[in-house]
Amino acid sequence: MKLFENLEQIEAAVGQHVGHSEWMEITQARIDAFADATGDHQWIHVDPERAANGPYGTTIAHGYLTLSLLPLLVEQVMQIRGFRMMINYGLDKVRFPAPVPVGSRIRAGVDLTSLQRKPSGVQLTSTVTVEVEGGDRPAVVAETVRLMVE
């Protein structure tokens, strides 16, 4: 894990790959809990019997479930100190190029792409790529924006 103690260290790392998270298994229990939390009970996610005959041969995680795991995964890659407050400010671009089959393992890679000073604080944009172990395409590619207030 990369620890950034101040703004200067972050600025020096812009344009660089920071690292990867640990691998995380995506279980049916996690998928079902997400379905319950969001009300998205589409069969491709929550019906293993029907999904066995579907396009992926098994259930798959919701794209938004994988996206919602970014804070947890990114926290394993980097931590930032020296700011009074940090919040997830938003996303500039999100794509779901490949499914995440139940039982597969995912991890996130983080690249720091830009740093902008704004009246409200400092905005750090990162490109986070979630890969599926053994897969040939990423499951999620997202440009995340974090607002940091000194």
C-alpha atoms as a PDB file:
ATOM      1  CA  MET A   1       0.000   0.000   0.000  1.00  0.00           C
ATOM      2  CA  LYS A   2       1.188   3.497  -0.863  1.00  0.00           C
ATOM      3  CA  LEU A   3       0.885   6.137   1.836  1.00  0.00           C
ATOM      4  CA  PHE A   4       0.751   9.794   0.807  1.00  0.00           C
ATOM      5  CA  GLU A   5       1.560  12.118   3.712  1.00  0.00           C
ATOM      6  CA  ASN A   6       1.009  15.434   1.902  1.00  0.00           C
ATOM      7  CA  LEU A   7      -0.028  17.164  -1.297  1.00  0.00           C
ATOM      8  CA  GLU A   8       3.516  17.303  -2.655  1.00  0.00           C
ATOM      9  CA  GLN A   9       3.813  13.504  -2.551  1.00  0.00           C
ATOM     10  CA  ILE A  10       0.527  13.146  -4.416  1.00  0.00           C
ATOM     11  CA  GLU A  11       1.592  15.707  -7.039  1.00  0.00           C
ATOM     12  CA  ALA A  12       4.806  13.770  -7.614  1.00  0.00           C
ATOM     13  CA  ALA A  13       2.815  10.581  -8.267  1.00  0.00           C
ATOM     14  CA  VAL A  14       0.352  12.017 -10.810  1.00  0.00           C
ATOM     15  CA  GLY A  15       0.699  10.129 -14.074  1.00  0.00           C
ATOM     16  CA  GLN A  16       1.878   6.986 -12.314  1.00  0.00           C
ATOM     17  CA  HIS A  17       0.435   3.585 -11.458  1.00  0.00           C
ATOM     18  CA  VAL A  18       0.131   3.392  -7.670  1.00  0.00           C
ATOM     19  CA  GLY A  19      -0.498  -0.334  -7.248  1.00  0.00           C
ATOM     20  CA  HIS A  20      -3.060  -3.114  -6.932  1.00  0.00           C
ATOM     21  CA  SER A  21      -5.415  -4.176  -4.172  1.00  0.00           C
ATOM     22  CA  GLU A  22      -5.627  -7.671  -2.757  1.00  0.00           C
ATOM     23  CA  TRP A  23      -7.789 -10.195  -4.595  1.00  0.00           C
ATOM     24  CA  MET A  24     -11.403 -10.372  -3.387  1.00  0.00           C
ATOM     25  CA  GLU A  25     -13.781 -13.252  -4.077  1.00  0.00           C
ATOM     26  CA  ILE A  26     -17.248 -12.297  -5.255  1.00  0.00           C
ATOM     27  CA  THR A  27     -19.731 -14.604  -3.542  1.00  0.00           C
ATOM     28  CA  GLN A  28     -23.388 -15.248  -4.228  1.00  0.00           C
ATOM     29  CA  ALA A  29     -24.149 -13.997  -0.723  1.00  0.00           C
ATOM     30  CA  ARG A  30     -22.578 -10.617  -1.572  1.00  0.00           C
ATOM     31  CA  ILE A  31     -24.500 -10.469  -4.865  1.00  0.00           C
ATOM     32  CA  ASP A  32     -27.774 -11.342  -3.110  1.00  0.00           C
ATOM     33  CA  ALA A  33     -27.167  -8.740  -0.383  1.00  0.00           C
ATOM     34  CA  PHE A  34     -26.554  -6.090  -3.046  1.00  0.00           C
ATOM     35  CA  ALA A  35     -29.735  -7.153  -4.855  1.00  0.00           C
ATOM     36  CA  ASP A  36     -31.679  -6.810  -1.596  1.00  0.00           C
ATOM     37  CA  ALA A  37     -30.153  -3.408  -0.864  1.00  0.00           C
ATOM     38  CA  THR A  38     -30.906  -2.019  -4.332  1.00  0.00           C
ATOM     39  CA  GLY A  39     -34.033  -3.920  -5.342  1.00  0.00           C
ATOM     40  CA  ASP A  40     -32.274  -5.209  -8.485  1.00  0.00           C
ATOM     41  CA  HIS A  41     -33.213  -8.903  -8.466  1.00  0.00           C
ATOM     42  CA  GLN A  42     -32.648  -9.612 -12.149  1.00  0.00           C
ATOM     43  CA  TRP A  43     -32.260 -13.369 -12.668  1.00  0.00           C
ATOM     44  CA  ILE A  44     -28.764 -13.089 -14.174  1.00  0.00           C
ATOM     45  CA  HIS A  45     -27.610 -11.990 -10.706  1.00  0.00           C
ATOM     46  CA  VAL A  46     -29.735 -13.935  -8.220  1.00  0.00           C
ATOM     47  CA  ASP A  47     -31.093 -17.108  -9.853  1.00  0.00           C
ATOM     48  CA  PRO A  48     -28.257 -19.658 -10.154  1.00  0.00           C
ATOM     49  CA  GLU A  49     -30.454 -22.292 -11.828  1.00  0.00           C
ATOM     50  CA  ARG A  50     -31.705 -19.988 -14.563  1.00  0.00           C
ATOM     51  CA  ALA A  51     -28.302 -18.297 -14.936  1.00  0.00           C
ATOM     52  CA  ALA A  52     -26.679 -21.714 -15.511  1.00  0.00           C
ATOM     53  CA  ASN A  53     -28.483 -21.737 -18.861  1.00  0.00           C
ATOM     54  CA  GLY A  54     -27.766 -18.058 -19.540  1.00  0.00           C
ATOM     55  CA  PRO A  55     -24.993 -16.404 -21.516  1.00  0.00           C
ATOM     56  CA  TYR A  56     -22.348 -16.736 -18.771  1.00  0.00           C
ATOM     57  CA  GLY A  57     -23.227 -20.181 -17.401  1.00  0.00           C
ATOM     58  CA  THR A  58     -23.562 -18.778 -13.880  1.00  0.00           C
ATOM     59  CA  THR A  59     -24.757 -15.712 -12.022  1.00  0.00           C
ATOM     60  CA  ILE A  60     -22.764 -12.522 -12.386  1.00  0.00           C
ATOM     61  CA  ALA A  61     -22.243  -9.563 -10.071  1.00  0.00           C
ATOM     62  CA  HIS A  62     -24.142  -6.379 -10.749  1.00  0.00           C
ATOM     63  CA  GLY A  63     -21.903  -3.835 -12.468  1.00  0.00           C
ATOM     64  CA  TYR A  64     -22.871  -1.356  -9.782  1.00  0.00           C
ATOM     65  CA  LEU A  65     -21.896  -3.859  -7.084  1.00  0.00           C
ATOM     66  CA  THR A  66     -18.397  -4.027  -8.523  1.00  0.00           C
ATOM     67  CA  LEU A  67     -18.336  -0.236  -8.793  1.00  0.00           C
ATOM     68  CA  SER A  68     -19.489   0.105  -5.174  1.00  0.00           C
ATOM     69  CA  LEU A  69     -16.458  -1.907  -4.036  1.00  0.00           C
ATOM     70  CA  LEU A  70     -14.018   0.734  -5.339  1.00  0.00           C
ATOM     71  CA  PRO A  71     -13.615   2.570  -2.005  1.00  0.00           C
ATOM     72  CA  LEU A  72     -12.778  -0.697  -0.235  1.00  0.00           C
ATOM     73  CA  LEU A  73     -10.360  -1.820  -2.954  1.00  0.00           C
ATOM     74  CA  VAL A  74      -8.688   1.578  -3.426  1.00  0.00           C
ATOM     75  CA  GLU A  75      -8.161   1.853   0.343  1.00  0.00           C
ATOM     76  CA  GLN A  76      -5.929  -1.230   0.032  1.00  0.00           C
ATOM     77  CA  VAL A  77      -3.869   0.467  -2.693  1.00  0.00           C
ATOM     78  CA  MET A  78      -3.340   3.923  -1.227  1.00  0.00           C
ATOM     79  CA  GLN A  79      -4.086   6.068   1.764  1.00  0.00           C
ATOM     80  CA  ILE A  80      -3.888   9.831   1.942  1.00  0.00           C
ATOM     81  CA  ARG A  81      -3.142  11.853   5.060  1.00  0.00           C
ATOM     82  CA  GLY A  82      -2.679  15.521   5.767  1.00  0.00           C
ATOM     83  CA  PHE A  83      -6.153  16.756   4.831  1.00  0.00           C
ATOM     84  CA  ARG A  84      -8.934  17.918   7.093  1.00  0.00           C
ATOM     85  CA  MET A  85     -11.566  16.131   5.033  1.00  0.00           C
ATOM     86  CA  MET A  86     -11.795  13.866   1.976  1.00  0.00           C
ATOM     87  CA  ILE A  87     -14.965  12.876   0.142  1.00  0.00           C
ATOM     88  CA  ASN A  88     -15.865  10.958  -2.969  1.00  0.00           C
ATOM     89  CA  TYR A  89     -16.732  13.826  -5.300  1.00  0.00           C
ATOM     90  CA  GLY A  90     -17.952  11.750  -8.226  1.00  0.00           C
ATOM     91  CA  LEU A  91     -17.119   9.851 -11.366  1.00  0.00           C
ATOM     92  CA  ASP A  92     -16.173  11.259 -14.742  1.00  0.00           C
ATOM     93  CA  LYS A  93     -16.442   8.066 -16.761  1.00  0.00           C
ATOM     94  CA  VAL A  94     -17.454   4.478 -15.977  1.00  0.00           C
ATOM     95  CA  ARG A  95     -17.433   1.408 -18.200  1.00  0.00           C
ATOM     96  CA  PHE A  96     -18.265  -2.258 -17.542  1.00  0.00           C
ATOM     97  CA  PRO A  97     -16.334  -4.123 -20.298  1.00  0.00           C
ATOM     98  CA  ALA A  98     -16.641  -7.657 -18.840  1.00  0.00           C
ATOM     99  CA  PRO A  99     -18.854  -9.541 -16.370  1.00  0.00           C
ATOM    100  CA  VAL A 100     -17.801 -10.723 -12.917  1.00  0.00           C
ATOM    101  CA  PRO A 101     -18.962 -14.349 -12.535  1.00  0.00           C
ATOM    102  CA  VAL A 102     -19.888 -15.545  -9.063  1.00  0.00           C
ATOM    103  CA  GLY A 103     -16.922 -17.199  -7.370  1.00  0.00           C
ATOM    104  CA  SER A 104     -14.370 -15.190  -9.329  1.00  0.00           C
ATOM    105  CA  ARG A 105     -11.794 -12.943  -7.747  1.00  0.00           C
ATOM    106  CA  ILE A 106     -11.317  -9.271  -8.537  1.00  0.00           C
ATOM    107  CA  ARG A 107      -8.710  -6.659  -7.712  1.00  0.00           C
ATOM    108  CA  ALA A 108      -8.296  -2.969  -8.476  1.00  0.00           C
ATOM    109  CA  GLY A 109      -5.356  -1.149 -10.005  1.00  0.00           C
ATOM    110  CA  VAL A 110      -5.041   2.597  -9.443  1.00  0.00           C
ATOM    111  CA  ASP A 111      -3.410   5.235 -11.643  1.00  0.00           C
ATOM    112  CA  LEU A 112      -3.334   8.860 -10.517  1.00  0.00           C
ATOM    113  CA  THR A 113      -4.357  10.894 -13.554  1.00  0.00           C
ATOM    114  CA  SER A 114      -4.735  14.518 -12.458  1.00  0.00           C
ATOM    115  CA  LEU A 115      -4.694  16.942  -9.583  1.00  0.00           C
ATOM    116  CA  GLN A 116      -6.551  20.260  -9.710  1.00  0.00           C
ATOM    117  CA  ARG A 117      -6.741  23.029  -7.161  1.00  0.00           C
ATOM    118  CA  LYS A 118     -10.266  24.382  -6.821  1.00  0.00           C
ATOM    119  CA  PRO A 119     -11.798  26.957  -4.443  1.00  0.00           C
ATOM    120  CA  SER A 120     -13.472  24.065  -2.584  1.00  0.00           C
ATOM    121  CA  GLY A 121     -10.238  22.065  -2.198  1.00  0.00           C
ATOM    122  CA  VAL A 122      -8.011  19.805  -4.242  1.00  0.00           C
ATOM    123  CA  GLN A 123      -9.558  17.361  -6.716  1.00  0.00           C
ATOM    124  CA  LEU A 124      -7.641  14.150  -7.330  1.00  0.00           C
ATOM    125  CA  THR A 125      -8.733  12.117 -10.334  1.00  0.00           C
ATOM    126  CA  SER A 126      -7.706   8.472 -10.511  1.00  0.00           C
ATOM    127  CA  THR A 127      -8.349   5.797 -13.091  1.00  0.00           C
ATOM    128  CA  VAL A 128      -9.359   2.628 -11.289  1.00  0.00           C
ATOM    129  CA  THR A 129      -9.343  -0.608 -13.268  1.00  0.00           C
ATOM    130  CA  VAL A 130     -10.979  -3.680 -11.753  1.00  0.00           C
ATOM    131  CA  GLU A 131      -9.757  -6.919 -13.253  1.00  0.00           C
ATOM    132  CA  VAL A 132     -11.158 -10.421 -12.974  1.00  0.00           C
ATOM    133  CA  GLU A 133      -8.490 -13.002 -12.194  1.00  0.00           C
ATOM    134  CA  GLY A 134      -7.731 -14.887 -15.407  1.00  0.00           C
ATOM    135  CA  GLY A 135      -9.894 -12.557 -17.497  1.00  0.00           C
ATOM    136  CA  ASP A 136      -8.776 -10.835 -20.667  1.00  0.00           C
ATOM    137  CA  ARG A 137     -10.826  -7.637 -20.199  1.00  0.00           C
ATOM    138  CA  PRO A 138     -11.416  -5.477 -17.133  1.00  0.00           C
ATOM    139  CA  ALA A 139     -14.726  -5.667 -15.292  1.00  0.00           C
ATOM    140  CA  VAL A 140     -14.794  -1.940 -14.510  1.00  0.00           C
ATOM    141  CA  VAL A 141     -12.810   1.063 -15.634  1.00  0.00           C
ATOM    142  CA  ALA A 142     -13.768   4.219 -13.745  1.00  0.00           C
ATOM    143  CA  GLU A 143     -12.394   7.725 -13.444  1.00  0.00           C
ATOM    144  CA  THR A 144     -12.974   8.625  -9.813  1.00  0.00           C
ATOM    145  CA  VAL A 145     -12.748  12.106  -8.353  1.00  0.00           C
ATOM    146  CA  ARG A 146     -11.880  12.698  -4.714  1.00  0.00           C
ATOM    147  CA  LEU A 147     -12.188  16.129  -3.100  1.00  0.00           C
ATOM    148  CA  MET A 148      -9.572  16.816  -0.451  1.00  0.00           C
ATOM    149  CA  VAL A 149      -9.874  19.840   1.852  1.00  0.00           C
ATOM    150  CA  GLU A 150      -6.751  21.116   3.613  1.00  0.00           C
END
